[in-house]
Amino acid sequence: MKKLTVLFFMMMVFCTVVSPFGIYAHGVGTTLDAVVGDYAVNVDYDAPFGIIAGDSVQFVFELSDKNRTQKIDFTDVWVSITPADTKGFFGGPIFSGGIAGTMAIPPEVTFVFSSGGSYNLALRFEKDKKTLTEATFPLSVANNQDGGSGFTISFLRFSNDFWKGVLSVLVIGMLALMIRKFFW
């Protein structure tokens, strides 16, 4: 019975440690943060080696009070991605849309930039169709070299998803070694 309890505990640790790496960008990546008025806007994205054209990047959006002590409940966040050097008629967003929000599961969006360059990520957090706050963050997207993606060493190319997978395998391996120690 004791071994079963230990196994259950280890599986709970596995679920709480490994799951965020696959579900949210909080585990591995970069954080954009700004205090705007009474709110702190937080954007996490899963690109530890930077955003690369042609690779998918997952953005996760959160809103808290300016002291970051309490999460703020909002009904949706409006997201717009525009090239930073837009002029005239062709200056429209390359992505624009609303995403439903909740405190339990932060809203997220996955996007693939078609080309490198400078972009602006504009956010508007709303609750019951009233604007709580707005924030804009600059994004730098690297060009995709020779059709590959991610971190390149000689002829090998490692995408951001590859590094997240390596981290997940390491955590699973450590958990397996712990289980083996307790049961065999």
Protein backbone atom coordinates (compact mmCIF):
# COMPACT_ATOMS: atom_id res chain seq x y z
CA MET A 1 0.00 0.00 0.00
CA LYS A 2 2.90 2.33 0.80
CA LYS A 3 4.39 1.79 -2.66
CA LEU A 4 1.03 2.56 -4.29
CA THR A 5 0.85 5.84 -2.35
CA VAL A 6 4.37 6.79 -3.46
CA LEU A 7 3.50 5.94 -7.08
CA PHE A 8 0.35 8.09 -6.88
CA PHE A 9 2.36 10.98 -5.42
CA MET A 10 4.99 10.72 -8.16
CA MET A 11 2.34 10.71 -10.87
CA MET A 12 0.84 13.86 -9.36
CA VAL A 13 4.30 15.49 -9.41
CA PHE A 14 4.68 14.42 -13.04
CA CYS A 15 1.34 15.98 -14.00
CA THR A 16 2.07 19.28 -12.26
CA VAL A 17 5.67 19.58 -13.49
CA VAL A 18 5.53 18.30 -17.07
CA SER A 19 2.03 19.40 -18.15
CA PRO A 20 2.75 23.13 -18.20
CA PHE A 21 5.62 22.58 -20.65
CA GLY A 22 3.26 21.09 -23.20
CA ILE A 23 0.23 23.23 -22.48
CA TYR A 24 1.47 26.71 -21.71
CA ALA A 25 4.42 28.82 -22.64
CA HIS A 26 5.26 29.47 -19.00
CA GLY A 27 7.56 26.47 -18.70
CA VAL A 28 10.11 27.34 -21.34
CA GLY A 29 10.34 30.64 -23.12
CA THR A 30 10.30 34.39 -22.82
CA THR A 31 8.16 36.80 -20.84
CA LEU A 32 7.00 40.25 -21.90
CA ASP A 33 5.80 42.34 -18.98
CA ALA A 34 4.44 45.87 -18.59
CA VAL A 35 2.64 47.83 -15.90
CA VAL A 36 -0.14 49.93 -17.42
CA GLY A 37 -2.13 52.00 -14.96
CA ASP A 38 -3.50 49.74 -12.22
CA TYR A 39 -2.68 46.53 -14.10
CA ALA A 40 0.33 44.38 -14.96
CA VAL A 41 0.14 42.74 -18.38
CA ASN A 42 2.11 39.51 -18.83
CA VAL A 43 2.72 37.73 -22.14
CA ASP A 44 4.69 34.49 -22.17
CA TYR A 45 5.77 32.80 -25.37
CA ASP A 46 7.47 29.47 -25.97
CA ALA A 47 10.54 30.49 -27.96
CA PRO A 48 13.63 30.18 -25.73
CA PHE A 49 15.96 30.94 -28.68
CA GLY A 50 13.77 33.70 -30.10
CA ILE A 51 10.88 33.77 -32.54
CA ILE A 52 11.82 32.35 -35.93
CA ALA A 53 9.84 32.80 -39.13
CA GLY A 54 8.17 29.54 -40.12
CA ASP A 55 8.10 28.13 -36.55
CA SER A 56 4.92 28.19 -34.53
CA VAL A 57 5.01 30.29 -31.37
CA GLN A 58 2.45 30.06 -28.59
CA PHE A 59 1.51 33.25 -26.73
CA VAL A 60 -0.18 33.10 -23.30
CA PHE A 61 -1.84 36.23 -21.86
CA GLU A 62 -2.36 37.11 -18.20
CA LEU A 63 -3.52 40.19 -16.32
CA SER A 64 -2.88 41.00 -12.66
CA ASP A 65 -2.90 44.01 -10.39
CA LYS A 66 0.07 46.35 -10.68
CA ASN A 67 1.75 44.75 -7.64
CA ARG A 68 1.34 41.28 -9.20
CA THR A 69 -0.30 39.92 -6.05
CA GLN A 70 -3.70 39.07 -7.52
CA LYS A 71 -4.86 37.82 -10.93
CA ILE A 72 -7.52 39.98 -12.57
CA ASP A 73 -10.55 38.29 -14.08
CA PHE A 74 -11.34 39.36 -17.65
CA THR A 75 -13.80 38.05 -20.23
CA ASP A 76 -11.61 38.37 -23.32
CA VAL A 77 -8.39 39.74 -24.72
CA TRP A 78 -8.16 41.27 -28.19
CA VAL A 79 -4.89 40.51 -29.94
CA SER A 80 -3.42 42.27 -32.96
CA ILE A 81 -0.06 41.56 -34.60
CA THR A 82 1.14 44.18 -37.09
CA PRO A 83 4.46 44.79 -38.84
CA ALA A 84 6.32 47.60 -37.02
CA ASP A 85 7.24 49.47 -40.21
CA THR A 86 3.77 49.61 -41.77
CA LYS A 87 2.84 52.59 -43.89
CA GLY A 88 -0.28 53.55 -45.76
CA PHE A 89 -2.88 51.12 -47.06
CA PHE A 90 -0.79 47.98 -46.53
CA GLY A 91 -0.31 48.70 -42.81
CA GLY A 92 -3.05 46.38 -41.57
CA PRO A 93 -2.62 43.62 -39.02
CA ILE A 94 -1.42 40.18 -40.06
CA PHE A 95 -3.46 38.75 -37.18
CA SER A 96 -6.37 40.24 -35.28
CA GLY A 97 -8.93 38.55 -33.10
CA GLY A 98 -10.56 38.13 -29.72
CA ILE A 99 -9.79 35.27 -27.35
CA ALA A 100 -12.05 34.34 -24.44
CA GLY A 101 -10.35 34.69 -21.08
CA THR A 102 -10.57 32.96 -17.73
CA MET A 103 -8.54 32.96 -14.53
CA ALA A 104 -8.32 29.16 -14.41
CA ILE A 105 -6.79 28.70 -17.87
CA PRO A 106 -5.08 31.76 -19.35
CA PRO A 107 -6.04 32.50 -22.97
CA GLU A 108 -3.50 31.62 -25.61
CA VAL A 109 -2.92 31.84 -29.33
CA THR A 110 -0.48 30.00 -31.58
CA PHE A 111 0.87 31.90 -34.57
CA VAL A 112 3.39 31.33 -37.36
CA PHE A 113 5.20 34.39 -38.69
CA SER A 114 5.76 34.08 -42.44
CA SER A 115 8.82 36.35 -42.52
CA GLY A 116 11.37 37.88 -40.20
CA GLY A 117 11.32 41.47 -39.08
CA SER A 118 9.94 43.74 -36.39
CA TYR A 119 6.32 43.41 -35.28
CA ASN A 120 4.02 44.92 -32.67
CA LEU A 121 1.83 42.76 -30.44
CA ALA A 122 -1.10 44.90 -29.27
CA LEU A 123 -3.45 43.66 -26.53
CA ARG A 124 -6.73 44.94 -25.12
CA PHE A 125 -8.13 43.22 -22.03
CA GLU A 126 -11.89 43.53 -21.56
CA LYS A 127 -14.47 42.56 -18.97
CA ASP A 128 -18.12 42.59 -19.99
CA LYS A 129 -17.33 44.68 -23.10
CA LYS A 130 -15.54 47.37 -21.09
CA THR A 131 -11.80 47.94 -21.64
CA LEU A 132 -9.67 47.26 -18.56
CA THR A 133 -6.29 48.08 -20.08
CA GLU A 134 -4.28 48.04 -23.30
CA ALA A 135 -0.61 47.27 -23.93
CA THR A 136 1.70 46.99 -26.92
CA PHE A 137 4.93 44.97 -27.07
CA PRO A 138 7.61 44.95 -29.78
CA LEU A 139 8.51 41.54 -31.23
CA SER A 140 11.61 40.64 -33.20
CA VAL A 141 11.31 37.70 -35.58
CA ALA A 142 14.45 36.13 -37.05
CA ASN A 143 14.51 35.07 -40.69
CA ASN A 144 14.27 31.35 -41.30
CA GLN A 145 17.68 30.32 -42.65
CA ASP A 146 17.79 27.81 -45.54
CA GLY A 147 14.32 26.38 -44.89
CA GLY A 148 15.24 25.20 -41.40
CA SER A 149 14.07 26.44 -38.09
CA GLY A 150 15.35 27.02 -34.60
CA PHE A 151 18.91 26.89 -33.32
CA THR A 152 21.38 25.75 -36.03
CA ILE A 153 24.70 23.95 -35.47
CA SER A 154 26.50 23.17 -38.72
CA PHE A 155 24.08 20.95 -40.69
CA LEU A 156 21.74 20.26 -37.72
CA ARG A 157 18.68 22.43 -37.01
CA PHE A 158 16.92 22.37 -33.64
CA SER A 159 13.52 24.04 -33.39
CA ASN A 160 12.08 25.44 -30.18
CA ASP A 161 9.72 22.46 -30.08
CA PHE A 162 12.76 20.15 -30.12
CA TRP A 163 14.17 21.79 -26.98
CA LYS A 164 10.79 21.58 -25.21
CA GLY A 165 10.71 17.88 -26.10
CA VAL A 166 14.22 17.34 -24.74
CA LEU A 167 13.22 19.00 -21.47
CA SER A 168 10.07 16.86 -21.21
CA VAL A 169 12.07 13.65 -21.83
CA LEU A 170 14.56 14.63 -19.13
CA VAL A 171 11.79 15.24 -16.59
CA ILE A 172 10.07 11.95 -17.50
CA GLY A 173 13.41 10.12 -17.24
CA MET A 174 14.08 11.56 -13.79
CA LEU A 175 10.59 10.53 -12.69
CA ALA A 176 11.14 7.00 -14.04
CA LEU A 177 14.41 6.72 -12.11
CA MET A 178 12.68 7.85 -8.92
CA ILE A 179 9.89 5.28 -9.40
CA ARG A 180 12.46 2.56 -10.11
CA LYS A 181 14.34 3.40 -6.92
CA PHE A 182 11.19 3.07 -4.81
CA PHE A 183 9.73 -0.04 -6.46
CA TRP A 184 12.66 -2.19 -7.59
